[in-house]
Amino acid sequence: AFLRIPYATYQAVVKDIFEGLRLKQECTRILQGCAFFREIERSQPGLIDKLATKGCTMIEERKEQVLFRQQDPALNCYV
């Protein structure tokens, strides 16, 4: 008996892995560039890595796009 993995499935999985790694690297770079997160990282080592791995989403918006308004509930952190 043997296991067969279709080439398209293999390609999709490898692509997802590399895209995930690229996203993590970009999120890590951005978070490390922010004094607020660097300061927290000093007392909570590994925080940046955890956020970059599990908590970041890259979003692109047009210049001057409103992300939230004053008095909106604080549901997200934008960096």
N, C-alpha and C. Protein backbone atom coordinates (compact mmCIF):
# COMPACT_ATOMS: atom_id res chain seq x y z
N ALA A 1 0.85 -1.18 0.00
CA ALA A 1 0.00 0.00 0.00
C ALA A 1 0.90 1.24 0.00
N PHE A 2 0.39 2.30 -0.57
CA PHE A 2 1.14 3.56 -0.59
C PHE A 2 0.16 4.72 -0.60
N LEU A 3 0.70 5.86 -0.31
CA LEU A 3 -0.09 7.09 -0.25
C LEU A 3 0.16 7.90 -1.50
N ARG A 4 -0.88 8.41 -2.11
CA ARG A 4 -0.76 9.25 -3.31
C ARG A 4 -1.26 10.64 -2.97
N ILE A 5 -0.41 11.65 -3.18
CA ILE A 5 -0.80 13.04 -2.98
C ILE A 5 -0.79 13.70 -4.36
N PRO A 6 -1.92 14.17 -4.83
CA PRO A 6 -1.95 14.81 -6.14
C PRO A 6 -1.00 16.02 -6.17
N TYR A 7 -0.37 16.21 -7.31
CA TYR A 7 0.60 17.28 -7.48
C TYR A 7 -0.02 18.64 -7.15
N ALA A 8 -1.24 18.89 -7.57
CA ALA A 8 -1.89 20.18 -7.32
C ALA A 8 -2.07 20.41 -5.82
N THR A 9 -2.39 19.35 -5.09
CA THR A 9 -2.53 19.45 -3.64
C THR A 9 -1.19 19.78 -3.00
N TYR A 10 -0.15 19.06 -3.41
CA TYR A 10 1.20 19.29 -2.90
C TYR A 10 1.62 20.73 -3.17
N GLN A 11 1.41 21.20 -4.38
CA GLN A 11 1.77 22.57 -4.76
C GLN A 11 1.04 23.58 -3.89
N ALA A 12 -0.25 23.38 -3.67
CA ALA A 12 -1.05 24.32 -2.87
C ALA A 12 -0.56 24.36 -1.43
N VAL A 13 -0.23 23.20 -0.88
CA VAL A 13 0.25 23.14 0.51
C VAL A 13 1.59 23.85 0.64
N VAL A 14 2.51 23.59 -0.26
CA VAL A 14 3.82 24.23 -0.22
C VAL A 14 3.67 25.74 -0.40
N LYS A 15 2.81 26.17 -1.29
CA LYS A 15 2.58 27.60 -1.50
C LYS A 15 2.04 28.25 -0.22
N ASP A 16 1.08 27.59 0.44
CA ASP A 16 0.53 28.11 1.70
C ASP A 16 1.61 28.24 2.77
N ILE A 17 2.48 27.25 2.84
CA ILE A 17 3.56 27.28 3.84
C ILE A 17 4.48 28.47 3.59
N PHE A 18 4.91 28.66 2.35
CA PHE A 18 5.82 29.76 2.04
C PHE A 18 5.16 31.11 2.20
N GLU A 19 3.89 31.22 1.84
CA GLU A 19 3.17 32.49 2.03
C GLU A 19 3.02 32.79 3.51
N GLY A 20 2.77 31.77 4.31
CA GLY A 20 2.67 31.94 5.76
C GLY A 20 3.98 32.41 6.36
N LEU A 21 5.09 31.83 5.90
CA LEU A 21 6.41 32.25 6.39
C LEU A 21 6.70 33.69 6.00
N ARG A 22 6.36 34.05 4.78
CA ARG A 22 6.61 35.42 4.32
C ARG A 22 5.77 36.41 5.12
N LEU A 23 4.51 36.07 5.40
CA LEU A 23 3.65 36.93 6.21
C LEU A 23 4.22 37.08 7.61
N LYS A 24 4.67 35.99 8.22
CA LYS A 24 5.24 36.04 9.56
C LYS A 24 6.48 36.94 9.57
N GLN A 25 7.33 36.81 8.59
CA GLN A 25 8.54 37.64 8.53
C GLN A 25 8.19 39.11 8.39
N GLU A 26 7.23 39.43 7.56
CA GLU A 26 6.82 40.82 7.37
C GLU A 26 6.19 41.39 8.63
N CYS A 27 5.32 40.61 9.28
CA CYS A 27 4.70 41.06 10.52
C CYS A 27 5.75 41.26 11.61
N THR A 28 6.70 40.35 11.71
CA THR A 28 7.78 40.47 12.69
C THR A 28 8.57 41.74 12.45
N ARG A 29 8.91 42.01 11.20
CA ARG A 29 9.68 43.21 10.86
C ARG A 29 8.93 44.47 11.28
N ILE A 30 7.65 44.52 10.99
CA ILE A 30 6.85 45.70 11.33
C ILE A 30 6.73 45.86 12.84
N LEU A 31 6.44 44.78 13.55
CA LEU A 31 6.30 44.86 15.00
C LEU A 31 7.61 45.23 15.69
N GLN A 32 8.73 44.70 15.20
CA GLN A 32 10.03 45.04 15.77
C GLN A 32 10.40 46.49 15.49
N GLY A 33 9.82 47.07 14.46
CA GLY A 33 10.08 48.47 14.13
C GLY A 33 9.27 49.44 14.97
N CYS A 34 8.38 48.94 15.79
CA CYS A 34 7.50 49.77 16.61
C CYS A 34 8.00 49.77 18.06
N ALA A 35 8.34 50.96 18.57
CA ALA A 35 8.88 51.07 19.93
C ALA A 35 7.95 50.45 20.97
N PHE A 36 6.65 50.61 20.80
CA PHE A 36 5.66 50.06 21.74
C PHE A 36 5.84 48.56 21.89
N PHE A 37 5.92 47.84 20.77
CA PHE A 37 6.04 46.38 20.82
C PHE A 37 7.44 45.95 21.26
N ARG A 38 8.47 46.70 20.90
CA ARG A 38 9.83 46.38 21.37
C ARG A 38 9.89 46.47 22.90
N GLU A 39 9.24 47.49 23.46
CA GLU A 39 9.23 47.66 24.92
C GLU A 39 8.49 46.50 25.60
N ILE A 40 7.36 46.12 25.09
CA ILE A 40 6.62 44.99 25.67
C ILE A 40 7.43 43.70 25.54
N GLU A 41 8.12 43.55 24.42
CA GLU A 41 8.93 42.35 24.17
C GLU A 41 10.00 42.18 25.25
N ARG A 42 10.51 43.28 25.78
CA ARG A 42 11.54 43.20 26.82
C ARG A 42 11.02 42.48 28.07
N SER A 43 9.77 42.74 28.44
CA SER A 43 9.22 42.11 29.64
C SER A 43 8.45 40.83 29.33
N GLN A 44 8.07 40.66 28.08
CA GLN A 44 7.32 39.47 27.65
C GLN A 44 8.00 38.86 26.42
N PRO A 45 9.19 38.25 26.62
CA PRO A 45 9.91 37.68 25.48
C PRO A 45 9.05 36.68 24.70
N GLY A 46 9.09 36.80 23.39
CA GLY A 46 8.32 35.91 22.53
C GLY A 46 7.00 36.48 22.07
N LEU A 47 6.62 37.63 22.64
CA LEU A 47 5.33 38.24 22.28
C LEU A 47 5.26 38.56 20.79
N ILE A 48 6.31 39.19 20.26
CA ILE A 48 6.30 39.57 18.84
C ILE A 48 6.18 38.32 17.97
N ASP A 49 6.91 37.29 18.31
CA ASP A 49 6.84 36.05 17.52
C ASP A 49 5.43 35.46 17.56
N LYS A 50 4.82 35.46 18.73
CA LYS A 50 3.46 34.92 18.85
C LYS A 50 2.46 35.74 18.06
N LEU A 51 2.56 37.07 18.16
CA LEU A 51 1.65 37.92 17.40
C LEU A 51 1.85 37.73 15.89
N ALA A 52 3.11 37.67 15.48
CA ALA A 52 3.41 37.50 14.05
C ALA A 52 2.93 36.15 13.53
N THR A 53 2.97 35.14 14.38
CA THR A 53 2.56 33.79 13.98
C THR A 53 1.05 33.63 13.98
N LYS A 54 0.39 34.17 15.00
CA LYS A 54 -1.03 33.86 15.18
C LYS A 54 -1.96 35.05 15.05
N GLY A 55 -1.45 36.26 15.17
CA GLY A 55 -2.37 37.36 15.31
C GLY A 55 -2.35 38.45 14.26
N CYS A 56 -1.53 38.31 13.25
CA CYS A 56 -1.39 39.40 12.28
C CYS A 56 -2.07 39.09 10.95
N THR A 57 -2.63 40.11 10.39
CA THR A 57 -3.18 40.04 9.05
C THR A 57 -2.72 41.29 8.32
N MET A 58 -2.18 41.12 7.14
CA MET A 58 -1.76 42.27 6.34
C MET A 58 -2.97 42.77 5.54
N ILE A 59 -3.24 44.05 5.69
CA ILE A 59 -4.36 44.66 4.98
C ILE A 59 -3.84 45.90 4.26
N GLU A 60 -4.20 46.05 3.03
CA GLU A 60 -3.82 47.25 2.28
C GLU A 60 -5.07 48.07 2.02
N GLU A 61 -4.98 49.34 2.36
CA GLU A 61 -6.08 50.27 2.13
C GLU A 61 -5.53 51.46 1.35
N ARG A 62 -6.44 52.17 0.72
CA ARG A 62 -6.01 53.36 -0.01
C ARG A 62 -5.59 54.43 0.99
N LYS A 63 -4.74 55.34 0.55
CA LYS A 63 -4.25 56.42 1.38
C LYS A 63 -5.42 57.21 1.95
N GLU A 64 -5.34 57.53 3.24
CA GLU A 64 -6.33 58.32 3.97
C GLU A 64 -7.65 57.58 4.19
N GLN A 65 -7.66 56.27 4.01
CA GLN A 65 -8.85 55.47 4.30
C GLN A 65 -9.12 55.50 5.81
N VAL A 66 -10.34 55.72 6.21
CA VAL A 66 -10.71 55.72 7.62
C VAL A 66 -10.79 54.27 8.09
N LEU A 67 -10.00 53.93 9.12
CA LEU A 67 -10.00 52.57 9.67
C LEU A 67 -10.95 52.46 10.86
N PHE A 68 -11.06 53.52 11.61
CA PHE A 68 -11.97 53.56 12.75
C PHE A 68 -12.23 55.02 13.08
N ARG A 69 -13.25 55.24 13.84
CA ARG A 69 -13.63 56.60 14.23
C ARG A 69 -13.54 56.74 15.75
N GLN A 70 -13.39 57.97 16.18
CA GLN A 70 -13.38 58.25 17.60
C GLN A 70 -14.65 57.68 18.22
N GLN A 71 -14.51 57.09 19.37
CA GLN A 71 -15.61 56.44 20.12
C GLN A 71 -15.96 55.03 19.61
N ASP A 72 -15.34 54.56 18.54
CA ASP A 72 -15.53 53.17 18.14
C ASP A 72 -14.96 52.28 19.22
N PRO A 73 -15.57 51.11 19.48
CA PRO A 73 -14.99 50.19 20.47
C PRO A 73 -13.61 49.72 20.00
N ALA A 74 -12.71 49.53 20.93
CA ALA A 74 -11.33 49.10 20.61
C ALA A 74 -11.33 47.59 20.37
N LEU A 75 -11.54 47.19 19.13
CA LEU A 75 -11.59 45.77 18.80
C LEU A 75 -10.32 45.27 18.15
N ASN A 76 -9.50 46.17 17.60
CA ASN A 76 -8.29 45.78 16.88
C ASN A 76 -7.15 46.72 17.23
N CYS A 77 -5.95 46.30 16.88
CA CYS A 77 -4.76 47.13 17.01
C CYS A 77 -4.20 47.30 15.60
N TYR A 78 -4.01 48.52 15.17
CA TYR A 78 -3.50 48.81 13.83
C TYR A 78 -2.08 49.35 13.94
N VAL A 79 -1.16 48.75 13.22
CA VAL A 79 0.24 49.18 13.24
C VAL A 79 0.64 49.58 11.83
